[in-house]
C-alpha atoms as a PDB file:
ATOM      1  CA  MET A   1     -18.111  33.985  -9.206  1.00  0.00           C
ATOM      2  CA  ARG A   2     -18.720  32.008  -6.018  1.00  0.00           C
ATOM      3  CA  ALA A   3     -22.087  32.196  -4.262  1.00  0.00           C
ATOM      4  CA  ARG A   4     -22.189  32.687  -0.527  1.00  0.00           C
ATOM      5  CA  PRO A   5     -24.541  30.940   1.923  1.00  0.00           C
ATOM      6  CA  LYS A   6     -27.664  32.996   2.545  1.00  0.00           C
ATOM      7  CA  GLY A   7     -29.455  31.001   5.184  1.00  0.00           C
ATOM      8  CA  ALA A   8     -29.477  28.235   7.714  1.00  0.00           C
ATOM      9  CA  GLY A   9     -31.030  25.832   5.183  1.00  0.00           C
ATOM     10  CA  ARG A  10     -27.919  25.863   3.053  1.00  0.00           C
ATOM     11  CA  ALA A  11     -25.681  25.480   6.082  1.00  0.00           C
ATOM     12  CA  ALA A  12     -27.745  22.482   7.175  1.00  0.00           C
ATOM     13  CA  ALA A  13     -27.347  20.943   3.733  1.00  0.00           C
ATOM     14  CA  ALA A  14     -23.589  21.455   3.885  1.00  0.00           C
ATOM     15  CA  TRP A  15     -23.479  19.558   7.196  1.00  0.00           C
ATOM     16  CA  GLY A  16     -26.123  16.972   6.360  1.00  0.00           C
ATOM     17  CA  TYR A  17     -24.415  15.459   3.313  1.00  0.00           C
ATOM     18  CA  PRO A  18     -21.082  14.681   5.058  1.00  0.00           C
ATOM     19  CA  LEU A  19     -22.811  13.328   8.155  1.00  0.00           C
ATOM     20  CA  LEU A  20     -24.952  10.996   6.043  1.00  0.00           C
ATOM     21  CA  ALA A  21     -21.940   9.633   4.196  1.00  0.00           C
ATOM     22  CA  LEU A  22     -19.909   9.287   7.399  1.00  0.00           C
ATOM     23  CA  ALA A  23     -22.691   7.225   8.944  1.00  0.00           C
ATOM     24  CA  ALA A  24     -22.753   5.011   5.867  1.00  0.00           C
ATOM     25  CA  LEU A  25     -19.020   4.378   6.203  1.00  0.00           C
ATOM     26  CA  LEU A  26     -19.051   3.583   9.915  1.00  0.00           C
ATOM     27  CA  VAL A  27     -22.288   1.638  10.434  1.00  0.00           C
ATOM     28  CA  PRO A  28     -22.024  -2.048   9.452  1.00  0.00           C
ATOM     29  CA  GLY A  29     -24.114  -2.902   6.434  1.00  0.00           C
ATOM     30  CA  PRO A  30     -27.078  -5.274   6.682  1.00  0.00           C
ATOM     31  CA  PRO A  31     -26.654  -8.866   5.551  1.00  0.00           C
ATOM     32  CA  GLY A  32     -26.916  -9.157   1.791  1.00  0.00           C
ATOM     33  CA  THR A  33     -26.322 -11.587  -0.999  1.00  0.00           C
ATOM     34  CA  ALA A  34     -22.640 -12.434  -0.984  1.00  0.00           C
ATOM     35  CA  ALA A  35     -20.541 -12.135  -4.098  1.00  0.00           C
ATOM     36  CA  ALA A  36     -20.252 -15.472  -5.836  1.00  0.00           C
ATOM     37  CA  GLN A  37     -17.184 -17.349  -4.669  1.00  0.00           C
ATOM     38  CA  ASP A  38     -15.987 -17.812  -8.247  1.00  0.00           C
ATOM     39  CA  GLY A  39     -17.562 -14.685  -9.757  1.00  0.00           C
ATOM     40  CA  VAL A  40     -17.355 -10.900  -9.793  1.00  0.00           C
ATOM     41  CA  ARG A  41     -20.393  -8.665  -9.245  1.00  0.00           C
ATOM     42  CA  ALA A  42     -21.141  -5.855 -11.692  1.00  0.00           C
ATOM     43  CA  LEU A  43     -21.080  -3.350  -8.823  1.00  0.00           C
ATOM     44  CA  GLU A  44     -17.451  -4.378  -8.137  1.00  0.00           C
ATOM     45  CA  ALA A  45     -16.364  -4.358 -11.765  1.00  0.00           C
ATOM     46  CA  THR A  46     -17.772  -1.238 -13.461  1.00  0.00           C
ATOM     47  CA  PRO A  47     -15.968   2.106 -12.944  1.00  0.00           C
ATOM     48  CA  ILE A  48     -18.166   3.136  -9.975  1.00  0.00           C
ATOM     49  CA  GLY A  49     -16.918   0.176  -7.897  1.00  0.00           C
ATOM     50  CA  ALA A  50     -13.584  -0.698  -9.503  1.00  0.00           C
ATOM     51  CA  LEU A  51     -11.957   2.749  -9.512  1.00  0.00           C
ATOM     52  CA  PRO A  52     -11.428   5.113  -6.551  1.00  0.00           C
ATOM     53  CA  PRO A  53     -13.608   8.197  -6.015  1.00  0.00           C
ATOM     54  CA  MET A  54     -12.474  11.784  -6.449  1.00  0.00           C
ATOM     55  CA  ALA A  55     -13.715  15.196  -5.344  1.00  0.00           C
ATOM     56  CA  LEU A  56     -15.811  17.601  -7.328  1.00  0.00           C
ATOM     57  CA  PRO A  57     -13.537  19.913  -9.344  1.00  0.00           C
ATOM     58  CA  MET A  58     -12.825  23.431  -8.203  1.00  0.00           C
ATOM     59  CA  PRO A  59     -15.296  25.931  -9.677  1.00  0.00           C
ATOM     60  CA  ALA A  60     -13.493  27.942 -12.348  1.00  0.00           C
ATOM     61  CA  HIS A  61     -14.072  30.889 -14.666  1.00  0.00           C
ATOM     62  CA  ARG A  62     -17.646  30.718 -15.984  1.00  0.00           C
ATOM     63  CA  GLY A  63     -16.587  32.020 -19.389  1.00  0.00           C
ATOM     64  CA  GLN A  64     -14.298  29.062 -20.115  1.00  0.00           C
ATOM     65  CA  ASN A  65     -14.586  25.334 -20.754  1.00  0.00           C
ATOM     66  CA  TYR A  66     -11.812  23.091 -19.406  1.00  0.00           C
ATOM     67  CA  TRP A  67     -10.541  19.684 -20.513  1.00  0.00           C
ATOM     68  CA  VAL A  68      -9.395  17.300 -17.792  1.00  0.00           C
ATOM     69  CA  GLY A  69      -7.406  14.052 -18.047  1.00  0.00           C
ATOM     70  CA  ARG A  70      -7.519  11.405 -15.286  1.00  0.00           C
ATOM     71  CA  LEU A  71      -5.494   8.371 -14.210  1.00  0.00           C
ATOM     72  CA  HIS A  72      -6.956   5.928 -11.627  1.00  0.00           C
ATOM     73  CA  VAL A  73      -5.501   2.954  -9.747  1.00  0.00           C
ATOM     74  CA  GLY A  74      -7.696   1.064  -7.269  1.00  0.00           C
ATOM     75  CA  GLN A  75      -7.822  -2.219  -5.385  1.00  0.00           C
ATOM     76  CA  ARG A  76     -10.787  -4.025  -3.802  1.00  0.00           C
ATOM     77  CA  VAL A  77      -9.776  -6.239  -0.877  1.00  0.00           C
ATOM     78  CA  GLY A  78     -11.553  -8.345   1.726  1.00  0.00           C
ATOM     79  CA  ARG A  79     -14.099  -9.672  -0.762  1.00  0.00           C
ATOM     80  CA  ASP A  80     -15.206 -13.230  -1.483  1.00  0.00           C
ATOM     81  CA  GLY A  81     -13.382 -14.761  -4.438  1.00  0.00           C
ATOM     82  CA  GLY A  82     -10.049 -12.888  -4.514  1.00  0.00           C
ATOM     83  CA  ASP A  83      -8.874  -9.267  -4.600  1.00  0.00           C
ATOM     84  CA  LEU A  84      -9.529  -7.046  -7.613  1.00  0.00           C
ATOM     85  CA  THR A  85      -7.135  -4.433  -9.009  1.00  0.00           C
ATOM     86  CA  ALA A  86      -8.202  -1.896 -11.635  1.00  0.00           C
ATOM     87  CA  PHE A  87      -6.459   0.704 -13.779  1.00  0.00           C
ATOM     88  CA  GLY A  88      -8.391   3.405 -15.594  1.00  0.00           C
ATOM     89  CA  ILE A  89      -7.994   6.536 -17.705  1.00  0.00           C
ATOM     90  CA  GLY A  90     -10.606   9.170 -18.363  1.00  0.00           C
ATOM     91  CA  ALA A  91     -11.374  12.504 -19.974  1.00  0.00           C
ATOM     92  CA  ASP A  92     -13.742  15.203 -18.684  1.00  0.00           C
ATOM     93  CA  LEU A  93     -15.198  18.422 -20.006  1.00  0.00           C
ATOM     94  CA  GLN A  94     -15.819  20.997 -17.277  1.00  0.00           C
ATOM     95  CA  TRP A  95     -18.595  23.062 -18.823  1.00  0.00           C
ATOM     96  CA  HIS A  96     -18.288  26.801 -18.200  1.00  0.00           C
ATOM     97  CA  GLY A  97     -16.128  26.157 -15.139  1.00  0.00           C
ATOM     98  CA  GLY A  98     -18.805  24.211 -13.283  1.00  0.00           C
ATOM     99  CA  SER A  99     -20.444  20.867 -14.055  1.00  0.00           C
ATOM    100  CA  VAL A 100     -18.397  18.003 -15.492  1.00  0.00           C
ATOM    101  CA  PHE A 101     -19.213  15.404 -18.173  1.00  0.00           C
ATOM    102  CA  GLY A 102     -16.770  12.555 -18.674  1.00  0.00           C
ATOM    103  CA  ILE A 103     -15.956   9.085 -19.968  1.00  0.00           C
ATOM    104  CA  THR A 104     -13.729   6.409 -18.429  1.00  0.00           C
ATOM    105  CA  GLY A 105     -12.134   3.194 -19.676  1.00  0.00           C
ATOM    106  CA  GLY A 106      -9.831   0.686 -18.081  1.00  0.00           C
ATOM    107  CA  VAL A 107      -8.813  -2.847 -17.257  1.00  0.00           C
ATOM    108  CA  ARG A 108      -9.461  -5.013 -14.202  1.00  0.00           C
ATOM    109  CA  THR A 109      -7.255  -7.839 -12.955  1.00  0.00           C
ATOM    110  CA  ARG A 110      -8.123 -10.474 -10.379  1.00  0.00           C
ATOM    111  CA  ASP A 111      -6.179 -12.510  -7.862  1.00  0.00           C
ATOM    112  CA  CYS A 112      -7.140 -15.982  -9.076  1.00  0.00           C
ATOM    113  CA  ALA A 113      -5.017 -18.070  -6.698  1.00  0.00           C
ATOM    114  CA  GLY A 114      -6.830 -21.319  -5.997  1.00  0.00           C
ATOM    115  CA  THR A 115      -9.869 -20.361  -8.094  1.00  0.00           C
ATOM    116  CA  ALA A 116     -10.946 -22.432 -11.070  1.00  0.00           C
ATOM    117  CA  GLU A 117     -12.135 -20.900 -14.346  1.00  0.00           C
ATOM    118  CA  CYS A 118     -11.100 -17.396 -13.331  1.00  0.00           C
ATOM    119  CA  ASP A 119     -10.784 -14.496 -15.771  1.00  0.00           C
ATOM    120  CA  HIS A 120      -7.500 -12.801 -14.925  1.00  0.00           C
ATOM    121  CA  VAL A 121      -8.106  -9.682 -17.053  1.00  0.00           C
ATOM    122  CA  ALA A 122     -11.366  -7.916 -17.994  1.00  0.00           C
ATOM    123  CA  TRP A 123     -12.441  -4.527 -19.372  1.00  0.00           C
ATOM    124  CA  LEU A 124     -14.534  -1.712 -17.920  1.00  0.00           C
ATOM    125  CA  ALA A 125     -16.015   1.498 -19.326  1.00  0.00           C
ATOM    126  CA  GLY A 126     -18.494   4.157 -18.307  1.00  0.00           C
ATOM    127  CA  GLY A 127     -19.777   7.707 -18.497  1.00  0.00           C
ATOM    128  CA  ARG A 128     -20.635  10.202 -15.766  1.00  0.00           C
ATOM    129  CA  ALA A 129     -22.242  13.628 -15.335  1.00  0.00           C
ATOM    130  CA  ARG A 130     -21.326  15.590 -12.185  1.00  0.00           C
ATOM    131  CA  LEU A 131     -23.413  18.706 -11.623  1.00  0.00           C
ATOM    132  CA  ASN A 132     -22.140  21.590  -9.506  1.00  0.00           C
ATOM    133  CA  MET A 133     -25.316  22.615  -7.694  1.00  0.00           C
ATOM    134  CA  TYR A 134     -23.981  25.099  -5.162  1.00  0.00           C
ATOM    135  CA  THR A 135     -20.625  26.577  -4.124  1.00  0.00           C
ATOM    136  CA  GLY A 136     -20.550  28.652  -0.955  1.00  0.00           C
ATOM    137  CA  GLY A 137     -18.294  30.114   1.688  1.00  0.00           C
ATOM    138  CA  PRO A 138     -16.464  28.678   4.690  1.00  0.00           C
ATOM    139  CA  THR A 139     -19.376  26.808   6.292  1.00  0.00           C
ATOM    140  CA  VAL A 140     -16.986  24.124   7.554  1.00  0.00           C
ATOM    141  CA  GLY A 141     -13.562  25.742   7.043  1.00  0.00           C
ATOM    142  CA  ALA A 142     -14.440  28.623   9.355  1.00  0.00           C
ATOM    143  CA  LEU A 143     -14.311  26.187  12.268  1.00  0.00           C
ATOM    144  CA  ILE A 144     -10.515  26.006  11.863  1.00  0.00           C
ATOM    145  CA  GLY A 145     -10.119  29.670  11.021  1.00  0.00           C
ATOM    146  CA  ASP A 146      -9.923  29.355   7.220  1.00  0.00           C
ATOM    147  CA  HIS A 147     -12.325  32.002   5.957  1.00  0.00           C
ATOM    148  CA  ASN A 148     -11.268  31.393   2.340  1.00  0.00           C
ATOM    149  CA  ALA A 149     -12.557  27.807   2.375  1.00  0.00           C
ATOM    150  CA  THR A 150     -15.309  26.750  -0.007  1.00  0.00           C
ATOM    151  CA  THR A 151     -18.032  24.111   0.257  1.00  0.00           C
ATOM    152  CA  THR A 152     -19.376  22.587  -2.963  1.00  0.00           C
ATOM    153  CA  LEU A 153     -22.548  20.497  -3.183  1.00  0.00           C
ATOM    154  CA  GLY A 154     -23.458  18.540  -6.283  1.00  0.00           C
ATOM    155  CA  ALA A 155     -25.389  15.711  -7.868  1.00  0.00           C
ATOM    156  CA  GLU A 156     -24.130  12.995 -10.185  1.00  0.00           C
ATOM    157  CA  ILE A 157     -25.367  10.171 -12.382  1.00  0.00           C
ATOM    158  CA  GLY A 158     -23.253   7.467 -13.986  1.00  0.00           C
ATOM    159  CA  MET A 159     -23.488   4.373 -16.161  1.00  0.00           C
ATOM    160  CA  GLY A 160     -20.934   1.571 -16.334  1.00  0.00           C
ATOM    161  CA  TYR A 161     -20.117  -1.638 -18.214  1.00  0.00           C
ATOM    162  CA  ALA A 162     -17.825  -4.527 -17.250  1.00  0.00           C
ATOM    163  CA  SER A 163     -16.766  -7.668 -19.090  1.00  0.00           C
ATOM    164  CA  GLY A 164     -15.604 -10.984 -17.688  1.00  0.00           C
ATOM    165  CA  LEU A 165     -18.372 -11.588 -15.141  1.00  0.00           C
ATOM    166  CA  ALA A 166     -19.666 -15.026 -14.246  1.00  0.00           C
ATOM    167  CA  ALA A 167     -22.300 -16.557 -16.523  1.00  0.00           C
ATOM    168  CA  GLY A 168     -25.780 -15.286 -15.762  1.00  0.00           C
ATOM    169  CA  GLN A 169     -24.622 -12.205 -13.826  1.00  0.00           C
ATOM    170  CA  ASN A 170     -25.530  -8.676 -14.849  1.00  0.00           C
ATOM    171  CA  ASP A 171     -22.763  -6.655 -16.424  1.00  0.00           C
ATOM    172  CA  CYS A 172     -23.962  -3.028 -16.262  1.00  0.00           C
ATOM    173  CA  THR A 173     -24.638  -0.509 -13.484  1.00  0.00           C
ATOM    174  CA  VAL A 174     -26.485   2.782 -13.104  1.00  0.00           C
ATOM    175  CA  ASP A 175     -25.790   5.047 -10.119  1.00  0.00           C
ATOM    176  CA  ILE A 176     -26.805   8.348  -8.610  1.00  0.00           C
ATOM    177  CA  GLY A 177     -24.961  10.273  -5.899  1.00  0.00           C
ATOM    178  CA  ALA A 178     -24.833  13.478  -3.860  1.00  0.00           C
ATOM    179  CA  PRO A 179     -21.174  14.602  -3.653  1.00  0.00           C
ATOM    180  CA  VAL A 180     -19.965  17.281  -1.257  1.00  0.00           C
ATOM    181  CA  SER A 181     -16.442  18.739  -1.123  1.00  0.00           C
ATOM    182  CA  VAL A 182     -14.827  21.089   1.388  1.00  0.00           C
ATOM    183  CA  ALA A 183     -11.659  22.813   0.110  1.00  0.00           C
ATOM    184  CA  LEU A 184      -9.250  24.545   2.508  1.00  0.00           C
ATOM    185  CA  PHE A 185      -6.296  26.923   2.130  1.00  0.00           C
ATOM    186  CA  GLN A 186      -5.179  28.785  -0.976  1.00  0.00           C
ATOM    187  CA  LYS A 187      -1.916  27.992  -2.809  1.00  0.00           C
ATOM    188  CA  THR A 188      -2.428  24.235  -2.531  1.00  0.00           C
ATOM    189  CA  ARG A 189      -6.068  23.394  -1.837  1.00  0.00           C
ATOM    190  CA  VAL A 190      -6.613  20.522   0.599  1.00  0.00           C
ATOM    191  CA  VAL A 191     -10.017  19.016  -0.104  1.00  0.00           C
ATOM    192  CA  ALA A 192     -12.065  16.468   1.833  1.00  0.00           C
ATOM    193  CA  PHE A 193     -15.023  14.853   0.082  1.00  0.00           C
ATOM    194  CA  VAL A 194     -17.854  12.382   0.670  1.00  0.00           C
ATOM    195  CA  THR A 195     -20.437  10.945  -1.745  1.00  0.00           C
ATOM    196  CA  PRO A 196     -23.358   8.802  -0.577  1.00  0.00           C
ATOM    197  CA  SER A 197     -24.720   6.893  -3.588  1.00  0.00           C
ATOM    198  CA  LEU A 198     -27.224   4.331  -4.802  1.00  0.00           C
ATOM    199  CA  VAL A 199     -26.064   1.757  -7.376  1.00  0.00           C
ATOM    200  CA  TRP A 200     -28.313  -0.448  -9.501  1.00  0.00           C
ATOM    201  CA  GLU A 201     -27.034  -3.611 -11.178  1.00  0.00           C
ATOM    202  CA  ALA A 202     -28.932  -4.154 -14.425  1.00  0.00           C
ATOM    203  CA  GLY A 203     -28.552  -6.148 -17.583  1.00  0.00           C
ATOM    204  CA  CYS A 204     -27.104  -4.013 -20.341  1.00  0.00           C
ATOM    205  CA  ALA A 205     -30.454  -4.248 -22.135  1.00  0.00           C
ATOM    206  CA  PHE A 206     -31.898  -2.657 -18.930  1.00  0.00           C
ATOM    207  CA  ASP A 207     -34.255  -5.555 -18.271  1.00  0.00           C
ATOM    208  CA  LEU A 208     -35.906  -4.137 -15.181  1.00  0.00           C
ATOM    209  CA  PRO A 209     -36.756  -7.470 -13.461  1.00  0.00           C
ATOM    210  CA  ALA A 210     -32.999  -8.120 -13.127  1.00  0.00           C
ATOM    211  CA  THR A 211     -32.133  -4.857 -11.360  1.00  0.00           C
ATOM    212  CA  ARG A 212     -30.726  -4.801  -7.799  1.00  0.00           C
ATOM    213  CA  ARG A 213     -30.066  -1.710  -5.680  1.00  0.00           C
ATOM    214  CA  THR A 214     -27.142  -1.276  -3.272  1.00  0.00           C
ATOM    215  CA  VAL A 215     -26.006   1.637  -1.089  1.00  0.00           C
ATOM    216  CA  LEU A 216     -22.429   2.854  -1.629  1.00  0.00           C
ATOM    217  CA  ALA A 217     -20.437   5.232   0.586  1.00  0.00           C
ATOM    218  CA  ARG A 218     -17.390   6.995  -0.884  1.00  0.00           C
ATOM    219  CA  ALA A 219     -14.971   9.394   0.788  1.00  0.00           C
ATOM    220  CA  GLY A 220     -11.436  10.690   0.527  1.00  0.00           C
ATOM    221  CA  VAL A 221      -8.964  13.537   0.704  1.00  0.00           C
ATOM    222  CA  GLY A 222      -6.915  15.265  -1.945  1.00  0.00           C
ATOM    223  CA  ALA A 223      -4.625  18.118  -2.901  1.00  0.00           C
ATOM    224  CA  GLN A 224      -5.666  20.491  -5.682  1.00  0.00           C
ATOM    225  CA  GLN A 225      -3.204  22.780  -7.511  1.00  0.00           C
ATOM    226  CA  LEU A 226      -0.344  20.550  -6.330  1.00  0.00           C
ATOM    227  CA  TRP A 227       2.924  21.984  -7.742  1.00  0.00           C
ATOM    228  CA  HIS A 228       0.949  23.183 -10.789  1.00  0.00           C
ATOM    229  CA  PRO A 229      -2.393  25.031 -11.040  1.00  0.00           C
ATOM    230  CA  GLY A 230      -3.906  22.185 -13.066  1.00  0.00           C
ATOM    231  CA  LEU A 231      -2.607  19.153 -11.119  1.00  0.00           C
ATOM    232  CA  ASP A 232      -4.801  17.389  -8.513  1.00  0.00           C
ATOM    233  CA  VAL A 233      -4.159  14.176  -6.533  1.00  0.00           C
ATOM    234  CA  TYR A 234      -6.818  12.276  -4.536  1.00  0.00           C
ATOM    235  CA  LEU A 235      -6.799   9.321  -2.163  1.00  0.00           C
ATOM    236  CA  GLY A 236     -10.189   7.618  -2.089  1.00  0.00           C
ATOM    237  CA  PHE A 237     -12.017   4.885  -0.168  1.00  0.00           C
ATOM    238  CA  GLN A 238     -15.390   3.234  -0.753  1.00  0.00           C
ATOM    239  CA  ARG A 239     -17.591   0.579   0.812  1.00  0.00           C
ATOM    240  CA  TYR A 240     -20.795  -1.125  -0.320  1.00  0.00           C
ATOM    241  CA  PHE A 241     -23.630  -2.116   1.987  1.00  0.00           C
ATOM    242  CA  GLU A 242     -23.364  -5.636   0.595  1.00  0.00           C
ATOM    243  CA  SER A 243     -21.708  -8.604   2.258  1.00  0.00           C
ATOM    244  CA  GLY A 244     -18.866 -10.306   0.406  1.00  0.00           C
ATOM    245  CA  THR A 245     -17.795  -7.198  -1.552  1.00  0.00           C
ATOM    246  CA  GLY A 246     -15.043  -6.002   0.814  1.00  0.00           C
ATOM    247  CA  HIS A 247     -13.834  -2.423   0.483  1.00  0.00           C
ATOM    248  CA  GLN A 248     -11.907  -0.472  -2.119  1.00  0.00           C
ATOM    249  CA  PHE A 249      -9.177   2.160  -1.962  1.00  0.00           C
ATOM    250  CA  GLY A 250      -6.918   3.857  -4.481  1.00  0.00           C
ATOM    251  CA  ILE A 251      -5.391   6.989  -5.973  1.00  0.00           C
ATOM    252  CA  THR A 252      -6.497   9.350  -8.730  1.00  0.00           C
ATOM    253  CA  ILE A 253      -4.323  11.893 -10.534  1.00  0.00           C
ATOM    254  CA  SER A 254      -6.021  14.500 -12.702  1.00  0.00           C
ATOM    255  CA  TYR A 255      -4.671  17.277 -14.868  1.00  0.00           C
ATOM    256  CA  THR A 256      -6.724  20.257 -16.081  1.00  0.00           C
ATOM    257  CA  HIS A 257      -5.618  22.002 -19.259  1.00  0.00           C
ATOM    258  CA  LEU A 258      -5.738  25.713 -18.470  1.00  0.00           C
ATOM    259  CA  PRO A 259      -6.339  28.131 -21.384  1.00  0.00           C
END
């Protein structure tokens, strides 16, 4: 069921994605427009920026569809205008054991100490498609002697909505990304993942003159099949190339219903 690398081009792709995302995490971002002192940017408030990232799911039996439930908790700190904390729940359909299509909803709270006219609680929602493009052998895991490791490359696109933003600010986002996951070991799979992404802020009527593009780097580590074949736990971190937005970290717990 799992394809194996057949050439140096695929191996280069498996290395290139993580190196690109690592550079995005470590290199300071260029000066940008700071978040409003008394406002919240759409890129901070929709699911892509408010909730922590997670790895691509493990490829499964191609003759089955799988339902997945998710719970997210994330916090954005170091930003202008107070920290943000978000809680989210989601549901995914893993189609024929590969690509995933899901929806997410949640609530965002804000540290409003010393800030006038601050919305303490706001809502967020979104949808996402995550495509499993290629799953191969131990391109990376072989370096530590794990010849059962797998490397998964994908592509994703998402849309998000957030309420409670400052007057005149956009309240929707569209994003695209290139996730890569490397899973090690067998009984409990330890997975490292990175996802370089582009995020556009746009009015929810998609009025193109109002769009703004920002680079986002996401990364993390998780445990798949933890205590139960369907239980996964991920710790995630993300950072925008935009001054005043700080950085975000959090935890995701997912459960796959196995037929």
